[in-house]
Amino acid sequence: MPESRSRKKPAYTPPPASSAVKPNPRWWAPTMVTLLIVGLVYVVVTYLMESAGPIPGIGAWNLGIGFAIMMIGFVMTMRWR
């Protein structure tokens, strides 16, 4: 059986990936906590004012705004290091 030709150059090996974890910016954690608290306060105020506020005239959409603010904070927690 014939032998295969040998390679003239060495096989490609990719450079090692850096394993250092980059820290978050200093503003990340305070912003995350602030969004969680502001969203919670927004929802509580909406319930206490019986959907008449904090923005009058949009009714139950106030709950959606409060929960959206909290969700942004929760999404930020997934990236926190």
C-alpha atoms as a PDB file:
ATOM      1  CA  MET A   1       0.000   0.000   0.000  1.00  0.00           C
ATOM      2  CA  PRO A   2       1.405   3.463  -0.876  1.00  0.00           C
ATOM      3  CA  GLU A   3       2.277   5.838   1.930  1.00  0.00           C
ATOM      4  CA  SER A   4       0.721   9.272   2.158  1.00  0.00           C
ATOM      5  CA  ARG A   5       2.876  12.332   1.697  1.00  0.00           C
ATOM      6  CA  SER A   6       4.118  14.060   4.792  1.00  0.00           C
ATOM      7  CA  ARG A   7       3.064  17.630   5.494  1.00  0.00           C
ATOM      8  CA  LYS A   8       5.554  20.305   4.542  1.00  0.00           C
ATOM      9  CA  LYS A   9       4.379  22.709   7.241  1.00  0.00           C
ATOM     10  CA  PRO A  10       3.114  22.019  10.743  1.00  0.00           C
ATOM     11  CA  ALA A  11      -0.617  21.727  11.379  1.00  0.00           C
ATOM     12  CA  TYR A  12      -2.424  24.931  12.345  1.00  0.00           C
ATOM     13  CA  THR A  13      -3.042  25.358  16.032  1.00  0.00           C
ATOM     14  CA  PRO A  14      -5.118  28.390  17.075  1.00  0.00           C
ATOM     15  CA  PRO A  15      -3.659  30.728  19.683  1.00  0.00           C
ATOM     16  CA  PRO A  16      -4.883  30.103  23.231  1.00  0.00           C
ATOM     17  CA  ALA A  17      -7.923  32.133  24.212  1.00  0.00           C
ATOM     18  CA  SER A  18      -7.480  34.472  27.131  1.00  0.00           C
ATOM     19  CA  SER A  19      -9.214  33.024  30.148  1.00  0.00           C
ATOM     20  CA  ALA A  20      -9.236  36.270  32.108  1.00  0.00           C
ATOM     21  CA  VAL A  21     -12.762  37.385  32.938  1.00  0.00           C
ATOM     22  CA  LYS A  22     -13.274  41.062  32.294  1.00  0.00           C
ATOM     23  CA  PRO A  23     -14.968  42.848  35.205  1.00  0.00           C
ATOM     24  CA  ASN A  24     -18.036  45.000  34.724  1.00  0.00           C
ATOM     25  CA  PRO A  25     -17.790  48.791  34.751  1.00  0.00           C
ATOM     26  CA  ARG A  26     -18.159  50.434  38.154  1.00  0.00           C
ATOM     27  CA  TRP A  27     -21.597  51.840  37.266  1.00  0.00           C
ATOM     28  CA  TRP A  28     -23.084  48.418  36.436  1.00  0.00           C
ATOM     29  CA  ALA A  29     -24.130  47.234  39.921  1.00  0.00           C
ATOM     30  CA  PRO A  30     -25.582  50.575  41.134  1.00  0.00           C
ATOM     31  CA  THR A  31     -27.566  50.951  37.906  1.00  0.00           C
ATOM     32  CA  MET A  32     -28.859  47.385  38.165  1.00  0.00           C
ATOM     33  CA  VAL A  33     -30.005  47.815  41.768  1.00  0.00           C
ATOM     34  CA  THR A  34     -31.524  51.215  41.006  1.00  0.00           C
ATOM     35  CA  LEU A  35     -33.579  49.822  38.120  1.00  0.00           C
ATOM     36  CA  LEU A  36     -34.859  46.964  40.274  1.00  0.00           C
ATOM     37  CA  ILE A  37     -35.898  49.320  43.081  1.00  0.00           C
ATOM     38  CA  VAL A  38     -37.407  51.977  40.781  1.00  0.00           C
ATOM     39  CA  GLY A  39     -39.445  49.320  38.970  1.00  0.00           C
ATOM     40  CA  LEU A  40     -40.708  47.904  42.256  1.00  0.00           C
ATOM     41  CA  VAL A  41     -41.651  51.345  43.566  1.00  0.00           C
ATOM     42  CA  TYR A  42     -43.390  52.137  40.257  1.00  0.00           C
ATOM     43  CA  VAL A  43     -45.510  48.977  40.492  1.00  0.00           C
ATOM     44  CA  VAL A  44     -46.353  49.592  44.172  1.00  0.00           C
ATOM     45  CA  VAL A  45     -47.398  53.201  43.435  1.00  0.00           C
ATOM     46  CA  THR A  46     -49.538  51.961  40.555  1.00  0.00           C
ATOM     47  CA  TYR A  47     -51.348  49.522  42.858  1.00  0.00           C
ATOM     48  CA  LEU A  48     -51.788  52.096  45.630  1.00  0.00           C
ATOM     49  CA  MET A  49     -53.256  54.647  43.218  1.00  0.00           C
ATOM     50  CA  GLU A  50     -55.487  51.971  41.627  1.00  0.00           C
ATOM     51  CA  SER A  51     -54.007  52.341  38.121  1.00  0.00           C
ATOM     52  CA  ALA A  52     -54.535  56.114  38.139  1.00  0.00           C
ATOM     53  CA  GLY A  53     -50.853  56.889  38.351  1.00  0.00           C
ATOM     54  CA  PRO A  54     -47.906  57.522  38.197  1.00  0.00           C
ATOM     55  CA  ILE A  55     -48.877  58.450  34.620  1.00  0.00           C
ATOM     56  CA  PRO A  56     -52.599  59.210  34.597  1.00  0.00           C
ATOM     57  CA  GLY A  57     -54.617  58.237  31.566  1.00  0.00           C
ATOM     58  CA  ILE A  58     -52.798  55.070  30.504  1.00  0.00           C
ATOM     59  CA  GLY A  59     -54.411  52.790  33.084  1.00  0.00           C
ATOM     60  CA  ALA A  60     -52.929  49.320  33.407  1.00  0.00           C
ATOM     61  CA  TRP A  61     -50.015  50.170  31.108  1.00  0.00           C
ATOM     62  CA  ASN A  62     -48.399  51.639  34.214  1.00  0.00           C
ATOM     63  CA  LEU A  63     -47.884  48.056  35.414  1.00  0.00           C
ATOM     64  CA  GLY A  64     -46.231  47.181  32.126  1.00  0.00           C
ATOM     65  CA  ILE A  65     -43.860  50.115  32.465  1.00  0.00           C
ATOM     66  CA  GLY A  66     -42.941  49.107  36.025  1.00  0.00           C
ATOM     67  CA  PHE A  67     -42.356  45.494  35.093  1.00  0.00           C
ATOM     68  CA  ALA A  68     -40.308  46.514  32.041  1.00  0.00           C
ATOM     69  CA  ILE A  69     -38.028  48.620  34.243  1.00  0.00           C
ATOM     70  CA  MET A  70     -37.587  45.665  36.609  1.00  0.00           C
ATOM     71  CA  MET A  71     -36.901  43.272  33.713  1.00  0.00           C
ATOM     72  CA  ILE A  72     -34.089  45.506  32.484  1.00  0.00           C
ATOM     73  CA  GLY A  73     -32.576  45.247  35.970  1.00  0.00           C
ATOM     74  CA  PHE A  74     -32.986  41.462  35.969  1.00  0.00           C
ATOM     75  CA  VAL A  75     -31.327  41.174  32.553  1.00  0.00           C
ATOM     76  CA  MET A  76     -28.424  43.187  33.913  1.00  0.00           C
ATOM     77  CA  THR A  77     -28.007  40.670  36.753  1.00  0.00           C
ATOM     78  CA  MET A  78     -27.256  37.934  34.220  1.00  0.00           C
ATOM     79  CA  ARG A  79     -24.219  39.864  32.954  1.00  0.00           C
ATOM     80  CA  TRP A  80     -22.952  40.911  36.385  1.00  0.00           C
ATOM     81  CA  ARG A  81     -19.526  39.605  37.425  1.00  0.00           C
END
